[in-house]
């Protein structure tokens, strides 16, 4: 995958995650859980996913001078 394609992929993924962060806790998508517990579970899972994605992005981060 080229650098441009990777940027587009991560941009779309993070845009989707930001939208999910605002939409999911405030809608009945977590209907099986009580409101507080469902939002708490969502935020924990959401935080873990974001941390993993940021780790993947920064794992291959390099300066161009190091080549």
N, C-alpha and C. Protein backbone atom coordinates (compact mmCIF):
# COMPACT_ATOMS: atom_id res chain seq x y z
N UNK A 1 0.83 -1.17 0.00
CA UNK A 1 0.00 0.00 0.00
C UNK A 1 0.88 1.24 0.00
N UNK A 2 0.53 2.20 -0.82
CA UNK A 2 1.33 3.43 -0.89
C UNK A 2 1.03 4.32 0.32
N UNK A 3 1.87 5.30 0.53
CA UNK A 3 1.70 6.21 1.66
C UNK A 3 0.39 6.99 1.54
N UNK A 4 0.02 7.37 0.32
CA UNK A 4 -1.23 8.10 0.12
C UNK A 4 -2.43 7.24 0.47
N UNK A 5 -2.40 5.98 0.08
CA UNK A 5 -3.50 5.07 0.40
C UNK A 5 -3.58 4.82 1.91
N UNK A 6 -2.44 4.72 2.58
CA UNK A 6 -2.44 4.54 4.03
C UNK A 6 -3.01 5.76 4.74
N UNK A 7 -2.66 6.95 4.27
CA UNK A 7 -3.20 8.17 4.86
C UNK A 7 -4.72 8.23 4.71
N UNK A 8 -5.19 7.89 3.53
CA UNK A 8 -6.64 7.89 3.30
C UNK A 8 -7.32 6.86 4.18
N UNK A 9 -6.74 5.67 4.30
CA UNK A 9 -7.30 4.61 5.14
C UNK A 9 -7.41 5.06 6.59
N UNK A 10 -6.31 5.58 7.16
CA UNK A 10 -6.31 5.99 8.56
C UNK A 10 -7.22 7.20 8.78
N UNK A 11 -7.29 8.10 7.82
CA UNK A 11 -8.17 9.26 7.94
C UNK A 11 -9.63 8.83 7.97
N UNK A 12 -10.01 7.93 7.08
CA UNK A 12 -11.38 7.44 7.05
C UNK A 12 -11.69 6.64 8.32
N UNK A 13 -10.76 5.82 8.76
CA UNK A 13 -10.96 5.02 9.97
C UNK A 13 -11.16 5.92 11.19
N UNK A 14 -10.31 6.94 11.35
CA UNK A 14 -10.44 7.83 12.50
C UNK A 14 -11.69 8.70 12.39
N UNK A 15 -12.09 9.10 11.19
CA UNK A 15 -13.34 9.84 11.03
C UNK A 15 -14.52 8.98 11.45
N UNK A 16 -14.50 7.71 11.07
CA UNK A 16 -15.54 6.77 11.48
C UNK A 16 -15.55 6.59 13.00
N UNK A 17 -14.37 6.48 13.60
CA UNK A 17 -14.30 6.31 15.05
C UNK A 17 -14.79 7.55 15.79
N UNK A 18 -14.49 8.73 15.27
CA UNK A 18 -14.97 9.96 15.90
C UNK A 18 -16.49 10.04 15.82
N UNK A 19 -17.04 9.71 14.67
CA UNK A 19 -18.50 9.68 14.55
C UNK A 19 -19.11 8.66 15.50
N UNK A 20 -18.50 7.48 15.59
CA UNK A 20 -19.01 6.45 16.49
C UNK A 20 -18.94 6.90 17.94
N UNK A 21 -17.91 7.66 18.29
CA UNK A 21 -17.76 8.14 19.66
C UNK A 21 -18.90 9.08 20.05
N UNK A 22 -19.45 9.81 19.09
CA UNK A 22 -20.54 10.71 19.38
C UNK A 22 -21.91 10.06 19.22
N UNK A 23 -22.02 9.11 18.30
CA UNK A 23 -23.33 8.53 17.97
C UNK A 23 -23.70 7.36 18.87
N UNK A 24 -22.82 6.42 19.06
CA UNK A 24 -23.15 5.16 19.74
C UNK A 24 -23.60 5.36 21.19
N UNK A 25 -22.92 6.11 22.03
CA UNK A 25 -23.36 6.20 23.42
C UNK A 25 -24.71 6.90 23.61
N UNK A 26 -25.13 7.72 22.67
CA UNK A 26 -26.34 8.50 22.83
C UNK A 26 -27.52 7.97 22.03
N UNK A 27 -27.40 6.80 21.46
CA UNK A 27 -28.48 6.18 20.71
C UNK A 27 -28.81 4.83 21.34
N UNK A 28 -29.93 4.25 20.98
CA UNK A 28 -30.30 2.95 21.57
C UNK A 28 -29.55 1.75 20.95
N UNK A 29 -28.37 1.97 20.40
CA UNK A 29 -27.60 0.86 19.83
C UNK A 29 -27.11 -0.10 20.91
N UNK A 30 -26.99 0.38 22.12
CA UNK A 30 -26.58 -0.47 23.24
C UNK A 30 -27.81 -0.84 24.08
N UNK A 31 -28.86 -1.26 23.42
CA UNK A 31 -30.14 -1.50 24.07
C UNK A 31 -30.16 -2.62 25.09
N UNK A 32 -29.26 -3.59 25.00
CA UNK A 32 -29.25 -4.71 25.94
C UNK A 32 -28.66 -4.33 27.28
N UNK A 33 -27.99 -3.22 27.37
CA UNK A 33 -27.33 -2.79 28.60
C UNK A 33 -28.08 -1.60 29.19
N UNK A 34 -27.94 -1.44 30.47
CA UNK A 34 -28.45 -0.21 31.08
C UNK A 34 -27.66 0.96 30.50
N UNK A 35 -28.24 2.11 30.47
CA UNK A 35 -27.63 3.25 29.79
C UNK A 35 -26.21 3.54 30.28
N UNK A 36 -26.04 3.59 31.59
CA UNK A 36 -24.73 3.91 32.14
C UNK A 36 -23.72 2.80 31.86
N UNK A 37 -24.12 1.55 32.05
CA UNK A 37 -23.19 0.44 31.84
C UNK A 37 -22.84 0.26 30.37
N UNK A 38 -23.79 0.48 29.49
CA UNK A 38 -23.53 0.36 28.06
C UNK A 38 -22.55 1.42 27.58
N UNK A 39 -22.74 2.65 28.04
CA UNK A 39 -21.82 3.72 27.65
C UNK A 39 -20.43 3.46 28.23
N UNK A 40 -20.38 3.00 29.47
CA UNK A 40 -19.08 2.71 30.10
C UNK A 40 -18.36 1.60 29.34
N UNK A 41 -19.06 0.54 28.97
CA UNK A 41 -18.46 -0.55 28.19
C UNK A 41 -18.00 -0.04 26.84
N UNK A 42 -18.82 0.76 26.19
CA UNK A 42 -18.44 1.29 24.87
C UNK A 42 -17.18 2.12 24.97
N UNK A 43 -17.10 3.02 25.96
CA UNK A 43 -15.93 3.90 26.08
C UNK A 43 -14.67 3.12 26.37
N UNK A 44 -14.77 2.05 27.15
CA UNK A 44 -13.59 1.22 27.41
C UNK A 44 -13.11 0.52 26.14
N UNK A 45 -14.02 -0.09 25.42
CA UNK A 45 -13.66 -0.78 24.17
C UNK A 45 -13.15 0.24 23.15
N UNK A 46 -13.81 1.38 23.06
CA UNK A 46 -13.41 2.43 22.14
C UNK A 46 -11.99 2.91 22.44
N UNK A 47 -11.67 3.13 23.70
CA UNK A 47 -10.34 3.59 24.09
C UNK A 47 -9.27 2.56 23.73
N UNK A 48 -9.56 1.29 23.95
CA UNK A 48 -8.59 0.23 23.60
C UNK A 48 -8.35 0.20 22.10
N UNK A 49 -9.41 0.32 21.32
CA UNK A 49 -9.26 0.30 19.85
C UNK A 49 -8.45 1.50 19.38
N UNK A 50 -8.72 2.67 19.92
CA UNK A 50 -7.98 3.88 19.52
C UNK A 50 -6.50 3.76 19.90
N UNK A 51 -6.22 3.24 21.09
CA UNK A 51 -4.82 3.06 21.52
C UNK A 51 -4.10 2.09 20.59
N UNK A 52 -4.74 1.01 20.22
CA UNK A 52 -4.12 0.04 19.30
C UNK A 52 -3.86 0.69 17.94
N UNK A 53 -4.84 1.43 17.42
CA UNK A 53 -4.66 2.09 16.11
C UNK A 53 -3.53 3.11 16.16
N UNK A 54 -3.47 3.90 17.20
CA UNK A 54 -2.38 4.87 17.32
C UNK A 54 -1.03 4.17 17.46
N UNK A 55 -1.00 3.04 18.15
CA UNK A 55 0.23 2.27 18.25
C UNK A 55 0.68 1.75 16.89
N UNK A 56 -0.26 1.28 16.09
CA UNK A 56 0.07 0.81 14.74
C UNK A 56 0.59 1.94 13.86
N UNK A 57 0.00 3.10 13.97
CA UNK A 57 0.44 4.24 13.17
C UNK A 57 1.85 4.68 13.56
N UNK A 58 2.09 4.81 14.86
CA UNK A 58 3.38 5.34 15.31
C UNK A 58 4.48 4.29 15.30
N UNK A 59 4.15 3.03 15.17
CA UNK A 59 5.19 1.99 15.15
C UNK A 59 6.09 2.12 13.93
N UNK A 60 5.54 2.60 12.83
CA UNK A 60 6.33 2.71 11.60
C UNK A 60 6.69 4.16 11.28
N UNK A 61 6.56 5.03 12.24
CA UNK A 61 6.85 6.44 12.05
C UNK A 61 8.35 6.66 12.06
N UNK A 62 8.87 7.27 11.02
CA UNK A 62 10.30 7.52 10.89
C UNK A 62 10.52 8.87 10.25
N UNK A 63 11.69 9.44 10.54
CA UNK A 63 12.09 10.65 9.84
C UNK A 63 12.68 10.23 8.50
N UNK A 64 12.58 11.08 7.52
CA UNK A 64 13.12 10.76 6.20
C UNK A 64 14.64 10.78 6.21
N UNK A 65 15.25 11.46 7.17
CA UNK A 65 16.71 11.53 7.25
C UNK A 65 17.35 10.25 7.73
N UNK A 66 16.61 9.33 8.33
CA UNK A 66 17.16 8.12 8.91
C UNK A 66 17.43 7.02 7.89
N UNK A 67 17.06 7.20 6.67
CA UNK A 67 17.23 6.15 5.66
C UNK A 67 18.63 5.99 5.31
